[in-house]
N, C-alpha and C. Protein backbone atom coordinates (compact mmCIF):
# COMPACT_ATOMS: atom_id res chain seq x y z
N MET A 1 -12.98 81.82 119.76
CA MET A 1 -11.76 82.48 119.32
C MET A 1 -11.09 83.26 120.46
N SER A 2 -11.85 83.61 121.49
CA SER A 2 -11.30 84.44 122.56
C SER A 2 -10.20 83.73 123.33
N MET A 3 -10.18 82.39 123.26
CA MET A 3 -9.13 81.64 123.95
C MET A 3 -7.78 81.86 123.29
N PHE A 4 -7.79 82.12 121.98
CA PHE A 4 -6.56 82.29 121.22
C PHE A 4 -6.33 83.73 120.79
N LEU A 5 -7.41 84.44 120.47
CA LEU A 5 -7.33 85.81 119.98
C LEU A 5 -8.40 86.66 120.63
N VAL A 6 -8.08 87.92 120.86
CA VAL A 6 -9.06 88.89 121.36
C VAL A 6 -9.03 90.09 120.44
N TYR A 7 -10.19 90.53 120.02
CA TYR A 7 -10.25 91.66 119.09
C TYR A 7 -10.15 92.98 119.84
N ASP A 8 -9.22 93.82 119.40
CA ASP A 8 -9.03 95.15 119.96
C ASP A 8 -9.74 96.14 119.05
N ALA A 9 -10.96 96.51 119.41
CA ALA A 9 -11.78 97.37 118.56
C ALA A 9 -11.17 98.76 118.40
N GLU A 10 -10.42 99.21 119.39
CA GLU A 10 -9.83 100.55 119.33
C GLU A 10 -8.76 100.65 118.25
N ASN A 11 -7.96 99.56 118.11
CA ASN A 11 -6.87 99.57 117.13
C ASN A 11 -7.17 98.72 115.90
N TYR A 12 -8.37 98.15 115.84
CA TYR A 12 -8.80 97.35 114.69
C TYR A 12 -7.87 96.19 114.40
N GLU A 13 -7.45 95.48 115.43
CA GLU A 13 -6.59 94.33 115.24
C GLU A 13 -6.87 93.27 116.30
N TYR A 14 -6.37 92.06 116.03
CA TYR A 14 -6.53 90.96 116.98
C TYR A 14 -5.27 90.84 117.82
N ILE A 15 -5.45 90.50 119.09
CA ILE A 15 -4.33 90.35 120.02
C ILE A 15 -4.20 88.87 120.37
N LEU A 16 -3.00 88.33 120.18
CA LEU A 16 -2.77 86.93 120.53
C LEU A 16 -2.84 86.72 122.03
N GLN A 17 -3.46 85.64 122.43
CA GLN A 17 -3.53 85.23 123.83
C GLN A 17 -2.52 84.11 124.09
N PRO A 18 -2.23 83.80 125.36
CA PRO A 18 -1.24 82.74 125.65
C PRO A 18 -1.49 81.44 124.91
N ALA A 19 -2.75 81.02 124.83
CA ALA A 19 -3.06 79.77 124.11
C ALA A 19 -2.71 79.90 122.63
N GLY A 20 -2.89 81.08 122.08
CA GLY A 20 -2.53 81.32 120.68
C GLY A 20 -1.04 81.20 120.46
N TYR A 21 -0.25 81.74 121.41
CA TYR A 21 1.20 81.62 121.30
C TYR A 21 1.64 80.15 121.38
N VAL A 22 0.98 79.39 122.25
CA VAL A 22 1.32 77.97 122.38
C VAL A 22 1.08 77.24 121.06
N VAL A 23 -0.05 77.51 120.44
CA VAL A 23 -0.36 76.88 119.14
C VAL A 23 0.69 77.24 118.11
N LEU A 24 1.09 78.50 118.06
CA LEU A 24 2.09 78.93 117.08
C LEU A 24 3.44 78.28 117.33
N VAL A 25 3.81 78.11 118.60
CA VAL A 25 5.08 77.45 118.92
C VAL A 25 5.05 76.00 118.46
N VAL A 26 3.93 75.33 118.67
CA VAL A 26 3.78 73.94 118.22
C VAL A 26 3.90 73.86 116.70
N ILE A 27 3.26 74.79 116.00
CA ILE A 27 3.35 74.83 114.54
C ILE A 27 4.77 75.09 114.10
N LEU A 28 5.46 76.01 114.79
CA LEU A 28 6.85 76.32 114.47
C LEU A 28 7.73 75.08 114.59
N LEU A 29 7.60 74.36 115.68
CA LEU A 29 8.42 73.16 115.89
C LEU A 29 8.11 72.09 114.84
N ALA A 30 6.83 71.94 114.52
CA ALA A 30 6.44 70.95 113.51
C ALA A 30 7.02 71.29 112.15
N LEU A 31 7.02 72.58 111.79
CA LEU A 31 7.57 73.00 110.51
C LEU A 31 9.08 72.80 110.46
N MET A 32 9.77 73.05 111.56
CA MET A 32 11.22 72.86 111.60
C MET A 32 11.57 71.39 111.43
N ILE A 33 10.83 70.51 112.10
CA ILE A 33 11.08 69.07 111.97
C ILE A 33 10.78 68.61 110.55
N ALA A 34 9.68 69.13 109.98
CA ALA A 34 9.32 68.78 108.61
C ALA A 34 10.39 69.24 107.63
N ALA A 35 10.93 70.44 107.86
CA ALA A 35 11.98 70.97 106.98
C ALA A 35 13.20 70.07 106.98
N ALA A 36 13.57 69.57 108.16
CA ALA A 36 14.74 68.70 108.26
C ALA A 36 14.47 67.32 107.69
N ALA A 37 13.21 66.89 107.73
CA ALA A 37 12.87 65.54 107.27
C ALA A 37 12.71 65.46 105.76
N LEU A 38 12.47 66.60 105.11
CA LEU A 38 12.24 66.60 103.66
C LEU A 38 13.55 66.46 102.89
N GLY A 39 13.42 66.03 101.65
CA GLY A 39 14.58 65.93 100.79
C GLY A 39 15.20 64.55 100.79
N LYS A 40 16.25 64.40 99.98
CA LYS A 40 16.92 63.10 99.87
C LYS A 40 17.70 62.80 101.13
N LYS A 41 17.69 61.53 101.52
CA LYS A 41 18.41 61.09 102.72
C LYS A 41 19.49 60.10 102.33
N LYS A 42 20.58 60.19 103.02
CA LYS A 42 21.66 59.24 102.80
C LYS A 42 21.31 57.91 103.45
N ARG A 43 21.92 56.86 102.96
CA ARG A 43 21.66 55.53 103.51
C ARG A 43 22.07 55.49 104.98
N GLY A 44 21.17 54.99 105.79
CA GLY A 44 21.43 54.89 107.23
C GLY A 44 21.11 56.15 108.00
N GLU A 45 20.67 57.20 107.32
CA GLU A 45 20.36 58.46 107.98
C GLU A 45 18.99 58.37 108.64
N SER A 46 18.83 59.03 109.77
CA SER A 46 17.56 58.99 110.49
C SER A 46 16.49 59.77 109.74
N ALA A 47 15.24 59.56 110.16
CA ALA A 47 14.11 60.23 109.49
C ALA A 47 14.23 61.74 109.59
N VAL A 48 14.77 62.25 110.70
CA VAL A 48 14.99 63.69 110.87
C VAL A 48 16.49 63.91 111.07
N PRO A 49 17.24 64.15 110.00
CA PRO A 49 18.71 64.31 110.10
C PRO A 49 19.08 65.43 111.06
N ALA A 50 19.94 65.10 112.02
CA ALA A 50 20.30 66.06 113.06
C ALA A 50 21.05 67.27 112.48
N LYS A 51 21.95 67.01 111.51
CA LYS A 51 22.73 68.11 110.95
C LYS A 51 21.83 69.10 110.22
N LYS A 52 20.90 68.59 109.43
CA LYS A 52 20.01 69.46 108.69
C LYS A 52 19.12 70.26 109.63
N LEU A 53 18.61 69.60 110.67
CA LEU A 53 17.78 70.28 111.66
C LEU A 53 18.57 71.39 112.34
N THR A 54 19.84 71.11 112.64
CA THR A 54 20.70 72.11 113.28
C THR A 54 20.91 73.32 112.37
N PHE A 55 21.19 73.06 111.10
CA PHE A 55 21.39 74.16 110.16
C PHE A 55 20.12 74.99 109.98
N CYS A 56 18.97 74.33 109.91
CA CYS A 56 17.69 75.05 109.78
C CYS A 56 17.44 75.91 111.00
N ALA A 57 17.68 75.34 112.18
CA ALA A 57 17.46 76.08 113.43
C ALA A 57 18.41 77.26 113.53
N MET A 58 19.66 77.05 113.13
CA MET A 58 20.65 78.14 113.18
C MET A 58 20.26 79.27 112.22
N ALA A 59 19.79 78.89 111.03
CA ALA A 59 19.39 79.91 110.06
C ALA A 59 18.23 80.74 110.58
N ILE A 60 17.25 80.07 111.18
CA ILE A 60 16.09 80.79 111.72
C ILE A 60 16.52 81.69 112.87
N ALA A 61 17.42 81.18 113.71
CA ALA A 61 17.90 81.98 114.84
C ALA A 61 18.67 83.21 114.36
N LEU A 62 19.57 83.03 113.39
CA LEU A 62 20.35 84.15 112.86
C LEU A 62 19.45 85.16 112.14
N ALA A 63 18.47 84.64 111.39
CA ALA A 63 17.55 85.54 110.70
C ALA A 63 16.75 86.36 111.70
N THR A 64 16.36 85.72 112.80
CA THR A 64 15.57 86.43 113.82
C THR A 64 16.40 87.49 114.52
N VAL A 65 17.63 87.14 114.90
CA VAL A 65 18.50 88.10 115.59
C VAL A 65 18.79 89.30 114.69
N THR A 66 19.15 89.03 113.43
CA THR A 66 19.49 90.13 112.53
C THR A 66 18.25 90.95 112.13
N SER A 67 17.06 90.36 112.26
CA SER A 67 15.85 91.12 111.94
C SER A 67 15.60 92.22 112.95
N PHE A 68 16.21 92.09 114.13
CA PHE A 68 16.07 93.13 115.15
C PHE A 68 17.11 94.24 114.98
N ILE A 69 18.12 94.01 114.12
CA ILE A 69 19.13 95.02 113.84
C ILE A 69 18.65 95.78 112.61
N LYS A 70 18.03 96.93 112.83
CA LYS A 70 17.33 97.64 111.76
C LYS A 70 18.03 98.96 111.44
N PHE A 71 18.22 99.18 110.15
CA PHE A 71 18.78 100.44 109.68
C PHE A 71 17.67 101.44 109.37
N ALA A 72 16.47 100.93 109.15
CA ALA A 72 15.30 101.78 108.93
C ALA A 72 14.06 100.97 109.29
N ASP A 73 13.11 101.63 109.94
CA ASP A 73 11.89 100.96 110.38
C ASP A 73 10.70 101.79 109.94
N LEU A 74 9.90 101.26 109.02
CA LEU A 74 8.80 102.03 108.46
C LEU A 74 7.59 102.02 109.38
N PRO A 75 6.82 103.11 109.40
CA PRO A 75 5.71 103.24 110.36
C PRO A 75 4.58 102.24 110.16
N MET A 76 4.35 101.78 108.93
CA MET A 76 3.25 100.85 108.66
C MET A 76 3.75 99.41 108.52
N GLY A 77 4.94 99.14 109.05
CA GLY A 77 5.51 97.81 108.95
C GLY A 77 6.56 97.73 107.87
N GLY A 78 7.52 96.81 108.07
CA GLY A 78 8.62 96.67 107.14
C GLY A 78 9.85 97.40 107.63
N SER A 79 11.02 96.81 107.40
CA SER A 79 12.26 97.43 107.85
C SER A 79 13.43 96.92 107.02
N ILE A 80 14.50 97.72 107.00
CA ILE A 80 15.75 97.32 106.37
C ILE A 80 16.62 96.74 107.46
N THR A 81 16.94 95.46 107.36
CA THR A 81 17.64 94.76 108.44
C THR A 81 19.06 94.36 108.00
N LEU A 82 19.77 93.74 108.94
CA LEU A 82 21.14 93.29 108.68
C LEU A 82 21.11 91.93 107.99
N PHE A 83 20.69 91.91 106.72
CA PHE A 83 20.73 90.70 105.88
C PHE A 83 19.89 89.55 106.43
N SER A 84 18.80 89.85 107.14
CA SER A 84 18.04 88.78 107.78
C SER A 84 17.43 87.80 106.77
N MET A 85 17.04 88.30 105.58
CA MET A 85 16.42 87.41 104.59
C MET A 85 17.41 86.41 104.02
N LEU A 86 18.68 86.74 104.04
CA LEU A 86 19.70 85.87 103.45
C LEU A 86 19.75 84.52 104.14
N PHE A 87 19.66 84.49 105.45
CA PHE A 87 19.88 83.24 106.19
C PHE A 87 18.83 82.18 105.85
N VAL A 88 17.59 82.61 105.65
CA VAL A 88 16.55 81.66 105.25
C VAL A 88 16.79 81.21 103.81
N SER A 89 17.19 82.14 102.95
CA SER A 89 17.47 81.78 101.56
C SER A 89 18.62 80.79 101.46
N LEU A 90 19.58 80.88 102.37
CA LEU A 90 20.71 79.95 102.35
C LEU A 90 20.27 78.51 102.55
N ILE A 91 19.25 78.29 103.36
CA ILE A 91 18.78 76.92 103.59
C ILE A 91 18.24 76.32 102.30
N GLY A 92 17.49 77.10 101.54
CA GLY A 92 17.04 76.62 100.24
C GLY A 92 18.22 76.33 99.33
N TYR A 93 19.22 77.20 99.34
CA TYR A 93 20.41 77.03 98.51
C TYR A 93 21.21 75.80 98.93
N PHE A 94 21.21 75.49 100.20
CA PHE A 94 21.95 74.32 100.70
C PHE A 94 21.21 73.01 100.41
N TYR A 95 19.90 73.01 100.69
CA TYR A 95 19.16 71.74 100.73
C TYR A 95 18.05 71.61 99.70
N GLY A 96 17.74 72.65 98.96
CA GLY A 96 16.69 72.55 97.97
C GLY A 96 15.41 73.26 98.38
N ALA A 97 14.47 73.31 97.44
CA ALA A 97 13.27 74.12 97.61
C ALA A 97 12.36 73.61 98.73
N LYS A 98 12.19 72.30 98.85
CA LYS A 98 11.26 71.77 99.86
C LYS A 98 11.69 72.20 101.26
N THR A 99 12.95 71.95 101.57
CA THR A 99 13.46 72.33 102.89
C THR A 99 13.48 73.84 103.06
N GLY A 100 13.85 74.55 101.99
CA GLY A 100 13.88 76.01 102.06
C GLY A 100 12.51 76.61 102.32
N LEU A 101 11.51 76.12 101.61
CA LEU A 101 10.15 76.65 101.78
C LEU A 101 9.62 76.37 103.18
N MET A 102 9.85 75.16 103.68
CA MET A 102 9.38 74.82 105.02
C MET A 102 10.10 75.65 106.09
N THR A 103 11.39 75.88 105.89
CA THR A 103 12.15 76.72 106.83
C THR A 103 11.63 78.15 106.79
N GLY A 104 11.34 78.64 105.58
CA GLY A 104 10.77 79.97 105.46
C GLY A 104 9.42 80.09 106.15
N LEU A 105 8.59 79.07 106.00
CA LEU A 105 7.30 79.08 106.68
C LEU A 105 7.48 79.13 108.20
N ALA A 106 8.45 78.32 108.69
CA ALA A 106 8.72 78.32 110.14
C ALA A 106 9.20 79.69 110.61
N TYR A 107 10.07 80.31 109.81
CA TYR A 107 10.56 81.64 110.17
C TYR A 107 9.42 82.66 110.17
N GLY A 108 8.50 82.53 109.21
CA GLY A 108 7.34 83.41 109.18
C GLY A 108 6.47 83.26 110.42
N VAL A 109 6.31 82.04 110.89
CA VAL A 109 5.55 81.81 112.12
C VAL A 109 6.26 82.45 113.31
N LEU A 110 7.59 82.32 113.34
CA LEU A 110 8.35 82.94 114.43
C LEU A 110 8.24 84.46 114.39
N GLN A 111 8.24 85.04 113.20
CA GLN A 111 8.05 86.48 113.07
C GLN A 111 6.67 86.88 113.60
N LEU A 112 5.69 86.04 113.37
CA LEU A 112 4.35 86.31 113.89
C LEU A 112 4.33 86.25 115.41
N ILE A 113 5.10 85.32 115.96
CA ILE A 113 5.17 85.19 117.42
C ILE A 113 5.85 86.41 118.04
N THR A 114 6.95 86.87 117.43
CA THR A 114 7.74 87.95 118.04
C THR A 114 7.17 89.34 117.78
N GLY A 115 6.43 89.48 116.67
CA GLY A 115 5.88 90.80 116.37
C GLY A 115 4.56 90.71 115.65
N PRO A 116 3.54 90.20 116.33
CA PRO A 116 2.26 89.96 115.63
C PRO A 116 1.49 91.23 115.31
N TYR A 117 1.01 91.29 114.08
CA TYR A 117 0.01 92.29 113.72
C TYR A 117 -1.05 91.54 112.93
N ILE A 118 -2.20 91.32 113.57
CA ILE A 118 -3.24 90.47 113.00
C ILE A 118 -4.46 91.31 112.69
N TYR A 119 -4.66 91.54 111.40
CA TYR A 119 -5.79 92.33 110.93
C TYR A 119 -6.90 91.43 110.41
N ALA A 120 -6.51 90.37 109.72
CA ALA A 120 -7.46 89.40 109.16
C ALA A 120 -6.69 88.12 108.86
N PRO A 121 -7.36 86.96 108.82
CA PRO A 121 -6.67 85.69 108.57
C PRO A 121 -5.85 85.70 107.28
N ALA A 122 -6.42 86.20 106.18
CA ALA A 122 -5.69 86.23 104.91
C ALA A 122 -4.48 87.15 104.99
N GLN A 123 -4.61 88.24 105.72
CA GLN A 123 -3.48 89.17 105.88
C GLN A 123 -2.33 88.50 106.63
N VAL A 124 -2.68 87.72 107.66
CA VAL A 124 -1.65 87.01 108.43
C VAL A 124 -0.90 86.03 107.53
N LEU A 125 -1.64 85.27 106.73
CA LEU A 125 -1.01 84.30 105.83
C LEU A 125 -0.07 84.99 104.85
N LEU A 126 -0.52 86.09 104.28
CA LEU A 126 0.28 86.79 103.28
C LEU A 126 1.51 87.45 103.87
N ASP A 127 1.36 88.08 105.03
CA ASP A 127 2.45 88.86 105.61
C ASP A 127 3.45 88.06 106.43
N TYR A 128 3.09 86.85 106.80
CA TYR A 128 3.99 86.06 107.64
C TYR A 128 4.43 84.75 106.97
N PRO A 129 3.69 83.64 107.09
CA PRO A 129 4.23 82.39 106.53
C PRO A 129 4.45 82.40 105.02
N LEU A 130 3.52 82.96 104.25
CA LEU A 130 3.70 82.95 102.80
C LEU A 130 4.82 83.90 102.36
N ALA A 131 4.86 85.08 102.94
CA ALA A 131 5.89 86.07 102.55
C ALA A 131 7.29 85.54 102.86
N PHE A 132 7.49 85.06 104.08
CA PHE A 132 8.82 84.59 104.45
C PHE A 132 9.10 83.19 103.90
N GLY A 133 8.04 82.42 103.71
CA GLY A 133 8.21 81.12 103.07
C GLY A 133 8.75 81.26 101.67
N ALA A 134 8.38 82.34 100.99
CA ALA A 134 8.84 82.57 99.62
C ALA A 134 10.35 82.66 99.52
N LEU A 135 11.03 83.01 100.61
CA LEU A 135 12.49 83.09 100.59
C LEU A 135 13.11 81.73 100.27
N GLY A 136 12.37 80.68 100.56
CA GLY A 136 12.87 79.33 100.26
C GLY A 136 12.86 78.99 98.80
N LEU A 137 12.30 79.87 97.96
CA LEU A 137 12.33 79.64 96.51
C LEU A 137 13.76 79.59 95.98
N SER A 138 14.69 80.07 96.78
CA SER A 138 16.11 80.00 96.39
C SER A 138 16.54 78.56 96.11
N GLY A 139 15.83 77.60 96.71
CA GLY A 139 16.19 76.20 96.52
C GLY A 139 16.05 75.70 95.10
N PHE A 140 15.24 76.37 94.29
CA PHE A 140 15.08 75.96 92.90
C PHE A 140 16.32 76.27 92.07
N PHE A 141 17.23 77.04 92.63
CA PHE A 141 18.41 77.45 91.89
C PHE A 141 19.71 76.96 92.54
N LYS A 142 19.60 75.99 93.42
CA LYS A 142 20.75 75.55 94.22
C LYS A 142 21.90 75.01 93.37
N ASN A 143 21.59 74.46 92.20
CA ASN A 143 22.64 73.87 91.36
C ASN A 143 22.92 74.70 90.12
N LYS A 144 22.38 75.92 90.07
CA LYS A 144 22.59 76.79 88.92
C LYS A 144 23.82 77.66 89.12
N LYS A 145 24.39 78.13 88.00
CA LYS A 145 25.47 79.11 88.09
C LYS A 145 24.92 80.40 88.67
N HIS A 146 25.63 80.97 89.64
CA HIS A 146 25.16 82.14 90.37
C HIS A 146 23.81 81.84 91.04
N GLY A 147 23.65 80.58 91.46
CA GLY A 147 22.37 80.12 92.01
C GLY A 147 21.93 80.87 93.25
N LEU A 148 22.88 81.21 94.15
CA LEU A 148 22.50 81.90 95.37
C LEU A 148 21.98 83.30 95.06
N SER A 149 22.67 84.02 94.20
CA SER A 149 22.24 85.38 93.86
C SER A 149 20.88 85.37 93.19
N ILE A 150 20.72 84.48 92.21
CA ILE A 150 19.44 84.41 91.50
C ILE A 150 18.33 83.94 92.43
N GLY A 151 18.63 82.89 93.19
CA GLY A 151 17.62 82.34 94.10
C GLY A 151 17.22 83.33 95.18
N TYR A 152 18.20 84.04 95.71
CA TYR A 152 17.89 85.05 96.74
C TYR A 152 17.00 86.14 96.16
N ALA A 153 17.33 86.62 94.96
CA ALA A 153 16.53 87.67 94.33
C ALA A 153 15.10 87.19 94.06
N VAL A 154 14.96 85.95 93.61
CA VAL A 154 13.62 85.40 93.35
C VAL A 154 12.84 85.26 94.65
N GLY A 155 13.51 84.78 95.71
CA GLY A 155 12.84 84.65 97.00
C GLY A 155 12.37 85.98 97.55
N VAL A 156 13.22 86.99 97.44
CA VAL A 156 12.85 88.32 97.91
C VAL A 156 11.70 88.88 97.08
N LEU A 157 11.73 88.62 95.77
CA LEU A 157 10.62 89.05 94.92
C LEU A 157 9.32 88.38 95.34
N GLY A 158 9.40 87.10 95.70
CA GLY A 158 8.21 86.40 96.18
C GLY A 158 7.66 87.03 97.45
N ARG A 159 8.57 87.37 98.37
CA ARG A 159 8.13 88.04 99.60
C ARG A 159 7.49 89.38 99.27
N TYR A 160 8.11 90.12 98.38
CA TYR A 160 7.59 91.43 97.98
C TYR A 160 6.18 91.32 97.42
N ILE A 161 5.95 90.35 96.56
CA ILE A 161 4.63 90.17 95.96
C ILE A 161 3.58 89.89 97.03
N CYS A 162 3.91 89.05 98.00
CA CYS A 162 2.97 88.74 99.09
C CYS A 162 2.60 90.00 99.87
N HIS A 163 3.60 90.82 100.19
CA HIS A 163 3.34 92.05 100.94
C HIS A 163 2.54 93.05 100.12
N VAL A 164 2.81 93.08 98.82
CA VAL A 164 2.07 94.01 97.95
C VAL A 164 0.59 93.61 97.89
N ILE A 165 0.33 92.33 97.74
CA ILE A 165 -1.07 91.86 97.71
C ILE A 165 -1.77 92.19 99.02
N SER A 166 -1.09 91.89 100.13
CA SER A 166 -1.66 92.20 101.44
C SER A 166 -1.88 93.70 101.61
N GLY A 167 -0.89 94.48 101.20
CA GLY A 167 -1.01 95.93 101.34
C GLY A 167 -2.15 96.51 100.53
N TYR A 168 -2.31 96.02 99.32
CA TYR A 168 -3.38 96.53 98.47
C TYR A 168 -4.76 96.17 99.02
N ILE A 169 -4.91 94.93 99.47
CA ILE A 169 -6.22 94.48 99.95
C ILE A 169 -6.58 95.08 101.30
N PHE A 170 -5.63 95.07 102.22
CA PHE A 170 -5.95 95.40 103.61
C PHE A 170 -5.51 96.79 104.05
N PHE A 171 -4.52 97.38 103.38
CA PHE A 171 -3.99 98.65 103.86
C PHE A 171 -4.02 99.75 102.80
N GLY A 172 -4.68 99.47 101.69
CA GLY A 172 -4.78 100.48 100.63
C GLY A 172 -5.49 101.74 101.06
N ILE A 173 -6.32 101.63 102.10
CA ILE A 173 -7.06 102.79 102.59
C ILE A 173 -6.12 103.85 103.18
N TYR A 174 -4.89 103.46 103.49
CA TYR A 174 -3.94 104.41 104.08
C TYR A 174 -3.15 105.17 103.01
N ALA A 175 -3.42 104.89 101.75
CA ALA A 175 -2.74 105.61 100.68
C ALA A 175 -3.09 107.09 100.75
N PRO A 176 -2.14 107.96 100.47
CA PRO A 176 -2.43 109.41 100.47
C PRO A 176 -3.59 109.72 99.52
N GLU A 177 -4.31 110.74 99.87
CA GLU A 177 -5.48 111.12 99.07
C GLU A 177 -5.08 111.39 97.62
N GLY A 178 -5.83 110.77 96.72
CA GLY A 178 -5.57 110.95 95.30
C GLY A 178 -4.58 109.97 94.70
N MET A 179 -3.91 109.15 95.55
CA MET A 179 -2.94 108.18 95.05
C MET A 179 -3.60 106.82 94.90
N ASN A 180 -3.32 106.16 93.80
CA ASN A 180 -3.83 104.81 93.57
C ASN A 180 -3.27 103.87 94.64
N PRO A 181 -4.12 103.08 95.32
CA PRO A 181 -3.64 102.19 96.38
C PRO A 181 -2.58 101.20 95.92
N MET A 182 -2.70 100.71 94.68
CA MET A 182 -1.69 99.77 94.18
C MET A 182 -0.34 100.46 94.02
N VAL A 183 -0.33 101.67 93.48
CA VAL A 183 0.91 102.41 93.35
C VAL A 183 1.52 102.66 94.72
N TYR A 184 0.67 102.97 95.68
CA TYR A 184 1.14 103.24 97.05
C TYR A 184 1.81 102.00 97.65
N THR A 185 1.13 100.85 97.55
CA THR A 185 1.69 99.65 98.19
C THR A 185 2.90 99.12 97.45
N LEU A 186 2.93 99.30 96.11
CA LEU A 186 4.13 98.92 95.36
C LEU A 186 5.34 99.73 95.80
N GLY A 187 5.15 101.03 95.93
CA GLY A 187 6.24 101.91 96.34
C GLY A 187 6.63 101.73 97.79
N TYR A 188 5.63 101.60 98.64
CA TYR A 188 5.91 101.48 100.08
C TYR A 188 6.77 100.26 100.37
N ASN A 189 6.36 99.10 99.85
CA ASN A 189 7.11 97.88 100.13
C ASN A 189 8.47 97.86 99.46
N LEU A 190 8.59 98.57 98.36
CA LEU A 190 9.88 98.62 97.67
C LEU A 190 10.92 99.41 98.46
N THR A 191 10.47 100.36 99.27
CA THR A 191 11.40 101.23 99.98
C THR A 191 12.25 100.49 101.01
N TYR A 192 11.76 99.34 101.51
CA TYR A 192 12.58 98.59 102.46
C TYR A 192 13.08 97.27 101.88
N ILE A 193 12.34 96.69 100.93
CA ILE A 193 12.77 95.43 100.33
C ILE A 193 13.98 95.63 99.42
N LEU A 194 13.91 96.63 98.55
CA LEU A 194 14.95 96.82 97.53
C LEU A 194 16.32 97.16 98.12
N PRO A 195 16.44 98.11 99.06
CA PRO A 195 17.78 98.42 99.58
C PRO A 195 18.47 97.22 100.24
N GLU A 196 17.70 96.45 101.03
CA GLU A 196 18.31 95.28 101.67
C GLU A 196 18.71 94.23 100.64
N MET A 197 17.89 94.04 99.62
CA MET A 197 18.21 93.07 98.58
C MET A 197 19.50 93.46 97.85
N ILE A 198 19.61 94.73 97.47
CA ILE A 198 20.80 95.19 96.74
C ILE A 198 22.05 95.05 97.61
N ALA A 199 21.95 95.47 98.87
CA ALA A 199 23.10 95.38 99.78
C ALA A 199 23.53 93.94 99.97
N THR A 200 22.56 93.04 100.12
CA THR A 200 22.89 91.62 100.33
C THR A 200 23.54 91.03 99.09
N LEU A 201 23.02 91.34 97.91
CA LEU A 201 23.60 90.81 96.67
C LEU A 201 25.04 91.28 96.50
N ILE A 202 25.31 92.52 96.88
CA ILE A 202 26.69 93.02 96.80
C ILE A 202 27.60 92.22 97.72
N VAL A 203 27.14 92.00 98.94
CA VAL A 203 27.97 91.31 99.94
C VAL A 203 28.24 89.86 99.55
N ILE A 204 27.20 89.14 99.13
CA ILE A 204 27.40 87.71 98.84
C ILE A 204 28.21 87.48 97.57
N ASN A 205 28.40 88.52 96.77
CA ASN A 205 29.22 88.39 95.58
C ASN A 205 30.65 88.86 95.78
N ILE A 206 30.98 89.26 97.01
CA ILE A 206 32.38 89.50 97.35
C ILE A 206 33.08 88.14 97.34
N PRO A 207 34.18 87.99 96.62
CA PRO A 207 34.81 86.67 96.48
C PRO A 207 35.04 85.92 97.80
N ALA A 208 35.52 86.60 98.81
CA ALA A 208 35.78 85.93 100.09
C ALA A 208 34.48 85.41 100.71
N VAL A 209 33.43 86.19 100.59
CA VAL A 209 32.14 85.78 101.15
C VAL A 209 31.56 84.61 100.36
N SER A 210 31.61 84.67 99.04
CA SER A 210 31.07 83.59 98.22
C SER A 210 31.82 82.29 98.46
N ARG A 211 33.16 82.37 98.67
CA ARG A 211 33.93 81.17 98.97
C ARG A 211 33.54 80.60 100.32
N ALA A 212 33.31 81.47 101.29
CA ALA A 212 32.92 81.01 102.63
C ALA A 212 31.55 80.32 102.58
N ILE A 213 30.63 80.88 101.83
CA ILE A 213 29.30 80.27 101.71
C ILE A 213 29.39 78.92 101.02
N ALA A 214 30.22 78.83 99.99
CA ALA A 214 30.42 77.55 99.29
C ALA A 214 31.00 76.50 100.23
N GLN A 215 31.91 76.91 101.12
CA GLN A 215 32.49 75.99 102.08
C GLN A 215 31.44 75.49 103.06
N VAL A 216 30.62 76.40 103.54
CA VAL A 216 29.55 76.00 104.48
C VAL A 216 28.56 75.07 103.78
N LYS A 217 28.25 75.34 102.52
CA LYS A 217 27.33 74.48 101.77
C LYS A 217 27.87 73.07 101.66
N SER A 218 29.17 72.94 101.42
CA SER A 218 29.77 71.62 101.30
C SER A 218 29.70 70.85 102.61
N GLN A 219 29.76 71.57 103.73
CA GLN A 219 29.66 70.92 105.04
C GLN A 219 28.21 70.60 105.41
N ALA A 220 27.28 71.40 104.89
CA ALA A 220 25.86 71.19 105.21
C ALA A 220 25.34 69.90 104.56
C-alpha cells in the first residue's frame, strides 16, 4: 500500500502518493468515457459520442471551478459553494440517470484528487464517489414536470445521506460531549448542504434561467 498511500499516524489519515494519483486519474478518465458511452445512441453515432463527452467534461470542470468559490467552509469538511452541485445534476437532467451517475462518480474521484481526506476505505467511498455520484439521480426525473428542481433536490439528498452515514460512523467521536453522534452529523452536514440547495433551487426557477437551461438541454 505504501506505493499508493502512506499512513500519517500523527493526523490519523492516509496520504496519497504519486502512484495513487495516477490510478485515480486513470479511473477518472475511464468514468468520463463510460458516462459518454452510456445511454441511447443515434444511428451512425460513435461508441463514445463526442458531444456528450464534451458536455460531461464541461460539467465536471465547471463544478470543480465553482467548488473552489466558497461562501462558507466548515472546519470538519463541507462548504457552501457557488452552485457546484448543479452542474453535475444537469448532466443527469440532460442525458438520464446512467450518464448522470457515472459523471457524478467521476466528479467525486476528481474531488478526491484535488482535496483528499482518507480516513478509511469505506469513508472514501461514502464521502467522494458515492456522495457526488448521487447527484446524478437527477436523471430519473429528466422527463418529469419540474424535473430539474425535483431531480436536483433528490440528488442533493442522496449526497447528504452519504455524508451523514460517513459522519456517524467515522467522525461521530467529534460530537460535543453529551450530544448524540447522529444528531451531530445530521445537523453538521445540513448546515452547508441546505443553504446551497435552497439558493440553487431559487436560481434555477427564475424564468430566464429555466429557459436558458431548457435551451442548453435541447442542444445537448
